[in-house]
Protein backbone atom coordinates (compact mmCIF):
# COMPACT_ATOMS: atom_id res chain seq x y z
CA UNK A 1 0.00 0.00 0.00
CA UNK A 2 2.88 2.37 0.73
CA UNK A 3 4.45 1.83 -2.69
CA UNK A 4 1.13 2.08 -4.53
CA UNK A 5 0.21 5.27 -2.68
CA UNK A 6 3.62 6.80 -3.28
CA UNK A 7 3.62 5.95 -6.99
CA UNK A 8 0.12 7.36 -7.47
CA UNK A 9 1.03 10.57 -5.68
CA UNK A 10 4.18 10.95 -7.81
CA UNK A 11 1.92 10.99 -10.88
CA UNK A 12 -0.63 13.35 -9.32
CA UNK A 13 1.96 15.82 -8.01
CA UNK A 14 2.79 16.90 -11.54
CA UNK A 15 -0.37 19.02 -11.40
CA UNK A 16 -0.05 20.30 -7.83
CA UNK A 17 2.11 19.83 -4.73
CA UNK A 18 1.05 16.95 -2.49
CA UNK A 19 2.02 15.69 0.94
CA UNK A 20 2.24 12.00 1.75
CA UNK A 21 2.36 11.06 5.38
CA UNK A 22 3.35 7.69 6.72
CA UNK A 23 2.16 6.72 10.20
CA UNK A 24 3.86 3.68 11.68
CA UNK A 25 2.17 2.63 14.89
CA UNK A 26 4.25 0.28 17.06
CA UNK A 27 1.24 -1.93 17.80
CA UNK A 28 0.92 -2.71 14.10
CA UNK A 29 4.42 -2.23 12.68
CA UNK A 30 6.26 -3.52 15.74
CA UNK A 31 5.83 -7.11 14.63
CA UNK A 32 9.11 -8.52 13.24
CA UNK A 33 7.46 -10.09 10.18
CA UNK A 34 6.28 -6.64 9.04
CA UNK A 35 9.78 -5.14 8.85
CA UNK A 36 10.98 -6.68 5.55
CA UNK A 37 7.98 -5.34 3.56
CA UNK A 38 8.41 -1.94 5.22
CA UNK A 39 12.11 -1.86 4.32
CA UNK A 40 11.25 -2.80 0.73
CA UNK A 41 8.60 -0.07 0.50
CA UNK A 42 10.86 2.61 1.97
CA UNK A 43 13.72 1.56 -0.31
CA UNK A 44 11.41 1.95 -3.32
CA UNK A 45 10.37 5.44 -2.21
CA UNK A 46 13.92 6.61 -1.41
CA UNK A 47 15.34 5.28 -4.69
CA UNK A 48 12.54 6.92 -6.65
CA UNK A 49 13.07 10.22 -4.88
CA UNK A 50 16.62 10.40 -6.23
CA UNK A 51 15.09 10.84 -9.70
CA UNK A 52 12.20 13.17 -8.88
CA UNK A 53 11.28 16.09 -6.70
CA UNK A 54 10.62 14.45 -3.32
CA UNK A 55 11.29 16.25 -0.07
CA UNK A 56 11.85 13.89 2.88
CA UNK A 57 11.08 16.05 5.87
CA UNK A 58 9.21 16.52 9.12
CA UNK A 59 5.93 18.34 9.86
CA UNK A 60 7.86 21.08 11.64
CA UNK A 61 10.09 21.70 8.61
CA UNK A 62 7.02 21.93 6.37
CA UNK A 63 5.50 24.50 8.73
CA UNK A 64 8.74 26.50 8.82
CA UNK A 65 8.82 26.54 5.01
CA UNK A 66 5.19 27.65 4.82
CA UNK A 67 5.94 30.61 7.08
CA UNK A 68 8.47 31.85 4.49
CA UNK A 69 5.87 31.99 1.70
CA UNK A 70 4.34 35.33 0.68
CA UNK A 71 0.98 36.20 2.29
CA UNK A 72 -2.03 34.80 0.46
CA UNK A 73 -0.36 31.59 -0.74
CA UNK A 74 -1.77 29.41 2.04
CA UNK A 75 -5.56 29.64 2.45
CA UNK A 76 -6.66 30.84 5.88
CA UNK A 77 -3.22 31.91 7.01
CA UNK A 78 -2.71 34.71 9.48
CA UNK A 79 -0.42 37.70 8.96
CA UNK A 80 2.36 36.51 11.30
CA UNK A 81 3.95 33.36 12.62
CA UNK A 82 2.31 32.29 15.92
CA UNK A 83 4.31 32.11 19.11
PDB file of N, CA and C in Angstrom:
ATOM      1  N   UNK A   1       0.819  -1.191   0.000  1.00  0.00           N
ATOM      2  CA  UNK A   1       0.000   0.000   0.000  1.00  0.00           C
ATOM      3  C   UNK A   1       0.867   1.262   0.000  1.00  0.00           C
ATOM      4  N   UNK A   2       1.989   1.211   0.698  1.00  0.00           N
ATOM      5  CA  UNK A   2       2.877   2.374   0.729  1.00  0.00           C
ATOM      6  C   UNK A   2       3.405   2.669  -0.673  1.00  0.00           C
ATOM      7  N   UNK A   3       3.891   1.642  -1.347  1.00  0.00           N
ATOM      8  CA  UNK A   3       4.450   1.827  -2.693  1.00  0.00           C
ATOM      9  C   UNK A   3       3.366   2.298  -3.659  1.00  0.00           C
ATOM     10  N   UNK A   4       2.204   1.679  -3.625  1.00  0.00           N
ATOM     11  CA  UNK A   4       1.128   2.078  -4.526  1.00  0.00           C
ATOM     12  C   UNK A   4       0.702   3.522  -4.272  1.00  0.00           C
ATOM     13  N   UNK A   5       0.569   3.892  -3.011  1.00  0.00           N
ATOM     14  CA  UNK A   5       0.206   5.270  -2.683  1.00  0.00           C
ATOM     15  C   UNK A   5       1.265   6.261  -3.122  1.00  0.00           C
ATOM     16  N   UNK A   6       2.514   5.928  -2.884  1.00  0.00           N
ATOM     17  CA  UNK A   6       3.622   6.796  -3.282  1.00  0.00           C
ATOM     18  C   UNK A   6       3.655   6.977  -4.797  1.00  0.00           C
ATOM     19  N   UNK A   7       3.567   5.869  -5.526  1.00  0.00           N
ATOM     20  CA  UNK A   7       3.621   5.950  -6.992  1.00  0.00           C
ATOM     21  C   UNK A   7       2.458   6.756  -7.560  1.00  0.00           C
ATOM     22  N   UNK A   8       1.273   6.592  -6.995  1.00  0.00           N
ATOM     23  CA  UNK A   8       0.120   7.365  -7.469  1.00  0.00           C
ATOM     24  C   UNK A   8       0.310   8.846  -7.191  1.00  0.00           C
ATOM     25  N   UNK A   9       0.828   9.165  -6.018  1.00  0.00           N
ATOM     26  CA  UNK A   9       1.031  10.574  -5.685  1.00  0.00           C
ATOM     27  C   UNK A   9       2.131  11.205  -6.526  1.00  0.00           C
ATOM     28  N   UNK A  10       3.135  10.427  -6.911  1.00  0.00           N
ATOM     29  CA  UNK A  10       4.178  10.955  -7.806  1.00  0.00           C
ATOM     30  C   UNK A  10       3.542  11.400  -9.125  1.00  0.00           C
ATOM     31  N   UNK A  11       2.616  10.618  -9.631  1.00  0.00           N
ATOM     32  CA  UNK A  11       1.925  10.987 -10.876  1.00  0.00           C
ATOM     33  C   UNK A  11       1.042  12.211 -10.659  1.00  0.00           C
ATOM     34  N   UNK A  12       0.296  12.249  -9.573  1.00  0.00           N
ATOM     35  CA  UNK A  12      -0.627  13.349  -9.321  1.00  0.00           C
ATOM     36  C   UNK A  12       0.080  14.657  -8.981  1.00  0.00           C
ATOM     37  N   UNK A  13       1.285  14.591  -8.433  1.00  0.00           N
ATOM     38  CA  UNK A  13       1.959  15.823  -8.007  1.00  0.00           C
ATOM     39  C   UNK A  13       2.504  16.629  -9.175  1.00  0.00           C
ATOM     40  N   UNK A  14       2.388  16.102 -10.372  1.00  0.00           N
ATOM     41  CA  UNK A  14       2.791  16.896 -11.537  1.00  0.00           C
ATOM     42  C   UNK A  14       1.851  18.085 -11.727  1.00  0.00           C
ATOM     43  N   UNK A  15       0.622  17.955 -11.259  1.00  0.00           N
ATOM     44  CA  UNK A  15      -0.371  19.018 -11.401  1.00  0.00           C
ATOM     45  C   UNK A  15      -0.391  19.969 -10.207  1.00  0.00           C
ATOM     46  N   UNK A  16      -0.014  19.463  -9.028  1.00  0.00           N
ATOM     47  CA  UNK A  16      -0.046  20.297  -7.827  1.00  0.00           C
ATOM     48  C   UNK A  16       0.808  19.643  -6.749  1.00  0.00           C
ATOM     49  N   UNK A  17       1.318  20.426  -5.812  1.00  0.00           N
ATOM     50  CA  UNK A  17       2.109  19.829  -4.731  1.00  0.00           C
ATOM     51  C   UNK A  17       1.221  18.952  -3.847  1.00  0.00           C
ATOM     52  N   UNK A  18       1.766  17.861  -3.376  1.00  0.00           N
ATOM     53  CA  UNK A  18       1.051  16.948  -2.491  1.00  0.00           C
ATOM     54  C   UNK A  18       1.930  16.580  -1.308  1.00  0.00           C
ATOM     55  N   UNK A  19       1.306  16.136  -0.243  1.00  0.00           N
ATOM     56  CA  UNK A  19       2.022  15.690   0.942  1.00  0.00           C
ATOM     57  C   UNK A  19       1.576  14.270   1.255  1.00  0.00           C
ATOM     58  N   UNK A  20       2.532  13.375   1.357  1.00  0.00           N
ATOM     59  CA  UNK A  20       2.237  11.996   1.746  1.00  0.00           C
ATOM     60  C   UNK A  20       2.782  11.785   3.149  1.00  0.00           C
ATOM     61  N   UNK A  21       1.916  11.365   4.024  1.00  0.00           N
ATOM     62  CA  UNK A  21       2.362  11.060   5.378  1.00  0.00           C
ATOM     63  C   UNK A  21       2.378   9.544   5.566  1.00  0.00           C
ATOM     64  N   UNK A  22       3.227   9.110   6.434  1.00  0.00           N
ATOM     65  CA  UNK A  22       3.345   7.688   6.717  1.00  0.00           C
ATOM     66  C   UNK A  22       3.344   7.511   8.235  1.00  0.00           C
ATOM     67  N   UNK A  23       2.274   6.952   8.758  1.00  0.00           N
ATOM     68  CA  UNK A  23       2.158   6.717  10.199  1.00  0.00           C
ATOM     69  C   UNK A  23       2.467   5.254  10.479  1.00  0.00           C
ATOM     70  N   UNK A  24       3.441   5.048  11.326  1.00  0.00           N
ATOM     71  CA  UNK A  24       3.862   3.681  11.679  1.00  0.00           C
ATOM     72  C   UNK A  24       3.621   3.479  13.167  1.00  0.00           C
ATOM     73  N   UNK A  25       2.523   2.861  13.499  1.00  0.00           N
ATOM     74  CA  UNK A  25       2.173   2.632  14.890  1.00  0.00           C
ATOM     75  C   UNK A  25       2.866   1.365  15.400  1.00  0.00           C
ATOM     76  N   UNK A  26       3.519   1.437  16.532  1.00  0.00           N
ATOM     77  CA  UNK A  26       4.249   0.283  17.055  1.00  0.00           C
ATOM     78  C   UNK A  26       3.379  -0.961  17.236  1.00  0.00           C
ATOM     79  N   UNK A  27       2.114  -0.776  17.599  1.00  0.00           N
ATOM     80  CA  UNK A  27       1.236  -1.926  17.799  1.00  0.00           C
ATOM     81  C   UNK A  27       1.084  -2.741  16.521  1.00  0.00           C
ATOM     82  N   UNK A  28       1.077  -2.042  15.381  1.00  0.00           N
ATOM     83  CA  UNK A  28       0.921  -2.713  14.096  1.00  0.00           C
ATOM     84  C   UNK A  28       2.282  -3.046  13.485  1.00  0.00           C
ATOM     85  N   UNK A  29       3.144  -2.053  13.380  1.00  0.00           N
ATOM     86  CA  UNK A  29       4.416  -2.226  12.676  1.00  0.00           C
ATOM     87  C   UNK A  29       5.498  -2.849  13.551  1.00  0.00           C
ATOM     88  N   UNK A  30       5.256  -2.978  14.846  1.00  0.00           N
ATOM     89  CA  UNK A  30       6.264  -3.517  15.742  1.00  0.00           C
ATOM     90  C   UNK A  30       6.433  -5.027  15.660  1.00  0.00           C
ATOM     91  N   UNK A  31       5.705  -5.668  14.796  1.00  0.00           N
ATOM     92  CA  UNK A  31       5.829  -7.113  14.625  1.00  0.00           C
ATOM     93  C   UNK A  31       7.003  -7.407  13.681  1.00  0.00           C
ATOM     94  N   UNK A  32       7.918  -8.272  14.048  1.00  0.00           N
ATOM     95  CA  UNK A  32       9.111  -8.524  13.239  1.00  0.00           C
ATOM     96  C   UNK A  32       8.818  -8.917  11.783  1.00  0.00           C
ATOM     97  N   UNK A  33       7.744  -9.655  11.541  1.00  0.00           N
ATOM     98  CA  UNK A  33       7.455 -10.089  10.178  1.00  0.00           C
ATOM     99  C   UNK A  33       7.027  -8.942   9.272  1.00  0.00           C
ATOM    100  N   UNK A  34       6.686  -7.796   9.856  1.00  0.00           N
ATOM    101  CA  UNK A  34       6.283  -6.639   9.045  1.00  0.00           C
ATOM    102  C   UNK A  34       7.470  -5.790   8.590  1.00  0.00           C
ATOM    103  N   UNK A  35       8.627  -5.984   9.177  1.00  0.00           N
ATOM    104  CA  UNK A  35       9.780  -5.143   8.853  1.00  0.00           C
ATOM    105  C   UNK A  35      10.320  -5.344   7.437  1.00  0.00           C
ATOM    106  N   UNK A  36      10.472  -6.558   6.917  1.00  0.00           N
ATOM    107  CA  UNK A  36      10.978  -6.685   5.550  1.00  0.00           C
ATOM    108  C   UNK A  36      10.111  -5.972   4.490  1.00  0.00           C
ATOM    109  N   UNK A  37       8.765  -6.098   4.542  1.00  0.00           N
ATOM    110  CA  UNK A  37       7.982  -5.344   3.560  1.00  0.00           C
ATOM    111  C   UNK A  37       8.103  -3.829   3.738  1.00  0.00           C
ATOM    112  N   UNK A  38       8.235  -3.372   4.988  1.00  0.00           N
ATOM    113  CA  UNK A  38       8.410  -1.937   5.224  1.00  0.00           C
ATOM    114  C   UNK A  38       9.738  -1.469   4.651  1.00  0.00           C
ATOM    115  N   UNK A  39      10.806  -2.224   4.896  1.00  0.00           N
ATOM    116  CA  UNK A  39      12.114  -1.862   4.321  1.00  0.00           C
ATOM    117  C   UNK A  39      12.038  -1.787   2.801  1.00  0.00           C
ATOM    118  N   UNK A  40      11.380  -2.772   2.191  1.00  0.00           N
ATOM    119  CA  UNK A  40      11.251  -2.804   0.734  1.00  0.00           C
ATOM    120  C   UNK A  40      10.477  -1.583   0.232  1.00  0.00           C
ATOM    121  N   UNK A  41       9.400  -1.232   0.908  1.00  0.00           N
ATOM    122  CA  UNK A  41       8.596  -0.075   0.498  1.00  0.00           C
ATOM    123  C   UNK A  41       9.389   1.223   0.636  1.00  0.00           C
ATOM    124  N   UNK A  42      10.071   1.392   1.765  1.00  0.00           N
ATOM    125  CA  UNK A  42      10.855   2.613   1.967  1.00  0.00           C
ATOM    126  C   UNK A  42      12.011   2.702   0.971  1.00  0.00           C
ATOM    127  N   UNK A  43      12.632   1.569   0.683  1.00  0.00           N
ATOM    128  CA  UNK A  43      13.718   1.559  -0.313  1.00  0.00           C
ATOM    129  C   UNK A  43      13.187   2.019  -1.672  1.00  0.00           C
ATOM    130  N   UNK A  44      12.022   1.533  -2.057  1.00  0.00           N
ATOM    131  CA  UNK A  44      11.408   1.951  -3.321  1.00  0.00           C
ATOM    132  C   UNK A  44      11.210   3.470  -3.338  1.00  0.00           C
ATOM    133  N   UNK A  45      10.652   4.008  -2.270  1.00  0.00           N
ATOM    134  CA  UNK A  45      10.367   5.441  -2.208  1.00  0.00           C
ATOM    135  C   UNK A  45      11.650   6.272  -2.226  1.00  0.00           C
ATOM    136  N   UNK A  46      12.654   5.858  -1.459  1.00  0.00           N
ATOM    137  CA  UNK A  46      13.920   6.606  -1.412  1.00  0.00           C
ATOM    138  C   UNK A  46      14.629   6.554  -2.759  1.00  0.00           C
ATOM    139  N   UNK A  47      14.682   5.386  -3.380  1.00  0.00           N
ATOM    140  CA  UNK A  47      15.343   5.283  -4.688  1.00  0.00           C
ATOM    141  C   UNK A  47      14.621   6.102  -5.736  1.00  0.00           C
ATOM    142  N   UNK A  48      13.313   6.127  -5.691  1.00  0.00           N
ATOM    143  CA  UNK A  48      12.544   6.918  -6.654  1.00  0.00           C
ATOM    144  C   UNK A  48      12.784   8.404  -6.435  1.00  0.00           C
ATOM    145  N   UNK A  49      12.919   8.796  -5.179  1.00  0.00           N
ATOM    146  CA  UNK A  49      13.067  10.218  -4.878  1.00  0.00           C
ATOM    147  C   UNK A  49      14.396  10.770  -5.375  1.00  0.00           C
ATOM    148  N   UNK A  50      15.350   9.920  -5.673  1.00  0.00           N
ATOM    149  CA  UNK A  50      16.617  10.401  -6.230  1.00  0.00           C
ATOM    150  C   UNK A  50      16.421  10.898  -7.656  1.00  0.00           C
ATOM    151  N   UNK A  51      15.343  10.455  -8.313  1.00  0.00           N
ATOM    152  CA  UNK A  51      15.090  10.837  -9.698  1.00  0.00           C
ATOM    153  C   UNK A  51      14.072  11.964  -9.825  1.00  0.00           C
ATOM    154  N   UNK A  52      13.278  12.189  -8.807  1.00  0.00           N
ATOM    155  CA  UNK A  52      12.196  13.167  -8.881  1.00  0.00           C
ATOM    156  C   UNK A  52      12.283  14.167  -7.744  1.00  0.00           C
ATOM    157  N   UNK A  53      11.338  15.073  -7.742  1.00  0.00           N
ATOM    158  CA  UNK A  53      11.275  16.086  -6.698  1.00  0.00           C
ATOM    159  C   UNK A  53      10.513  15.552  -5.495  1.00  0.00           C
ATOM    160  N   UNK A  54      11.221  14.950  -4.553  1.00  0.00           N
ATOM    161  CA  UNK A  54      10.622  14.454  -3.321  1.00  0.00           C
ATOM    162  C   UNK A  54      11.394  15.060  -2.160  1.00  0.00           C
ATOM    163  N   UNK A  55      10.674  15.626  -1.239  1.00  0.00           N
ATOM    164  CA  UNK A  55      11.287  16.251  -0.071  1.00  0.00           C
ATOM    165  C   UNK A  55      10.983  15.384   1.146  1.00  0.00           C
ATOM    166  N   UNK A  56      11.980  14.681   1.654  1.00  0.00           N
ATOM    167  CA  UNK A  56      11.849  13.886   2.882  1.00  0.00           C
ATOM    168  C   UNK A  56      12.037  14.849   4.041  1.00  0.00           C
ATOM    169  N   UNK A  57      11.024  15.013   4.853  1.00  0.00           N
ATOM    170  CA  UNK A  57      11.077  16.049   5.869  1.00  0.00           C
ATOM    171  C   UNK A  57      10.215  15.699   7.071  1.00  0.00           C
ATOM    172  N   UNK A  58      10.035  16.667   7.932  1.00  0.00           N
ATOM    173  CA  UNK A  58       9.205  16.523   9.122  1.00  0.00           C
ATOM    174  C   UNK A  58       8.073  17.548   9.070  1.00  0.00           C
ATOM    175  N   UNK A  59       7.008  17.347   9.841  1.00  0.00           N
ATOM    176  CA  UNK A  59       5.932  18.339   9.857  1.00  0.00           C
ATOM    177  C   UNK A  59       6.424  19.729  10.263  1.00  0.00           C
ATOM    178  N   UNK A  60       7.335  19.791  11.205  1.00  0.00           N
ATOM    179  CA  UNK A  60       7.860  21.083  11.636  1.00  0.00           C
ATOM    180  C   UNK A  60       8.599  21.811  10.522  1.00  0.00           C
ATOM    181  N   UNK A  61       9.364  21.078   9.719  1.00  0.00           N
ATOM    182  CA  UNK A  61      10.092  21.696   8.609  1.00  0.00           C
ATOM    183  C   UNK A  61       9.122  22.192   7.535  1.00  0.00           C
ATOM    184  N   UNK A  62       8.033  21.471   7.326  1.00  0.00           N
ATOM    185  CA  UNK A  62       7.020  21.932   6.371  1.00  0.00           C
ATOM    186  C   UNK A  62       6.404  23.231   6.873  1.00  0.00           C
ATOM    187  N   UNK A  63       6.069  23.284   8.155  1.00  0.00           N
ATOM    188  CA  UNK A  63       5.496  24.499   8.728  1.00  0.00           C
ATOM    189  C   UNK A  63       6.473  25.670   8.609  1.00  0.00           C
ATOM    190  N   UNK A  64       7.741  25.432   8.936  1.00  0.00           N
ATOM    191  CA  UNK A  64       8.738  26.496   8.818  1.00  0.00           C
ATOM    192  C   UNK A  64       8.819  27.022   7.392  1.00  0.00           C
ATOM    193  N   UNK A  65       8.787  26.122   6.413  1.00  0.00           N
ATOM    194  CA  UNK A  65       8.819  26.544   5.014  1.00  0.00           C
ATOM    195  C   UNK A  65       7.583  27.376   4.673  1.00  0.00           C
ATOM    196  N   UNK A  66       6.429  26.931   5.129  1.00  0.00           N
ATOM    197  CA  UNK A  66       5.188  27.651   4.822  1.00  0.00           C
ATOM    198  C   UNK A  66       5.215  29.076   5.363  1.00  0.00           C
ATOM    199  N   UNK A  67       5.847  29.270   6.517  1.00  0.00           N
ATOM    200  CA  UNK A  67       5.943  30.614   7.084  1.00  0.00           C
ATOM    201  C   UNK A  67       6.799  31.543   6.222  1.00  0.00           C
ATOM    202  N   UNK A  68       7.639  31.007   5.351  1.00  0.00           N
ATOM    203  CA  UNK A  68       8.473  31.849   4.490  1.00  0.00           C
ATOM    204  C   UNK A  68       7.754  32.269   3.208  1.00  0.00           C
ATOM    205  N   UNK A  69       6.600  31.676   2.935  1.00  0.00           N
ATOM    206  CA  UNK A  69       5.874  31.991   1.705  1.00  0.00           C
ATOM    207  C   UNK A  69       5.199  33.353   1.803  1.00  0.00           C
ATOM    208  N   UNK A  70       5.020  34.025   0.667  1.00  0.00           N
ATOM    209  CA  UNK A  70       4.344  35.327   0.682  1.00  0.00           C
ATOM    210  C   UNK A  70       2.900  35.193   1.183  1.00  0.00           C
ATOM    211  N   UNK A  71       2.374  36.230   1.818  1.00  0.00           N
ATOM    212  CA  UNK A  71       0.981  36.200   2.285  1.00  0.00           C
ATOM    213  C   UNK A  71       0.020  35.881   1.133  1.00  0.00           C
ATOM    214  N   UNK A  72      -1.010  35.127   1.452  1.00  0.00           N
ATOM    215  CA  UNK A  72      -2.028  34.795   0.461  1.00  0.00           C
ATOM    216  C   UNK A  72      -1.810  33.467  -0.247  1.00  0.00           C
ATOM    217  N   UNK A  73      -0.646  32.866  -0.082  1.00  0.00           N
ATOM    218  CA  UNK A  73      -0.356  31.594  -0.743  1.00  0.00           C
ATOM    219  C   UNK A  73      -1.118  30.455  -0.051  1.00  0.00           C
ATOM    220  N   UNK A  74      -1.137  30.478   1.272  1.00  0.00           N
ATOM    221  CA  UNK A  74      -1.772  29.414   2.042  1.00  0.00           C
ATOM    222  C   UNK A  74      -3.148  29.910   2.476  1.00  0.00           C
ATOM    223  N   UNK A  75      -4.201  29.222   2.065  1.00  0.00           N
ATOM    224  CA  UNK A  75      -5.563  29.642   2.448  1.00  0.00           C
ATOM    225  C   UNK A  75      -5.749  29.664   3.964  1.00  0.00           C
ATOM    226  N   UNK A  76      -6.358  30.745   4.466  1.00  0.00           N
ATOM    227  CA  UNK A  76      -6.664  30.837   5.879  1.00  0.00           C
ATOM    228  C   UNK A  76      -5.515  31.228   6.774  1.00  0.00           C
ATOM    229  N   UNK A  77      -4.380  31.577   6.187  1.00  0.00           N
ATOM    230  CA  UNK A  77      -3.223  31.914   7.011  1.00  0.00           C
ATOM    231  C   UNK A  77      -3.380  33.278   7.659  1.00  0.00           C
ATOM    232  N   UNK A  78      -2.731  33.427   8.796  1.00  0.00           N
ATOM    233  CA  UNK A  78      -2.714  34.710   9.480  1.00  0.00           C
ATOM    234  C   UNK A  78      -1.555  35.555   8.992  1.00  0.00           C
ATOM    235  N   UNK A  79      -1.468  36.807   9.447  1.00  0.00           N
ATOM    236  CA  UNK A  79      -0.417  37.702   8.964  1.00  0.00           C
ATOM    237  C   UNK A  79       0.969  37.414   9.533  1.00  0.00           C
ATOM    238  N   UNK A  80       1.050  36.751  10.698  1.00  0.00           N
ATOM    239  CA  UNK A  80       2.359  36.507  11.297  1.00  0.00           C
ATOM    240  C   UNK A  80       2.453  35.084  11.812  1.00  0.00           C
ATOM    241  N   UNK A  81       3.689  34.686  12.053  1.00  0.00           N
ATOM    242  CA  UNK A  81       3.947  33.359  12.624  1.00  0.00           C
ATOM    243  C   UNK A  81       3.521  33.351  14.084  1.00  0.00           C
ATOM    244  N   UNK A  82       2.727  32.336  14.508  1.00  0.00           N
ATOM    245  CA  UNK A  82       2.310  32.289  15.915  1.00  0.00           C
ATOM    246  C   UNK A  82       3.486  32.045  16.849  1.00  0.00           C
ATOM    247  N   UNK A  83       3.309  32.418  18.104  1.00  0.00           N
ATOM    248  CA  UNK A  83       4.312  32.110  19.108  1.00  0.00           C
ATOM    249  C   UNK A  83       5.136  33.279  19.415  1.00  0.00           C
TER     250      UNK A  83
END
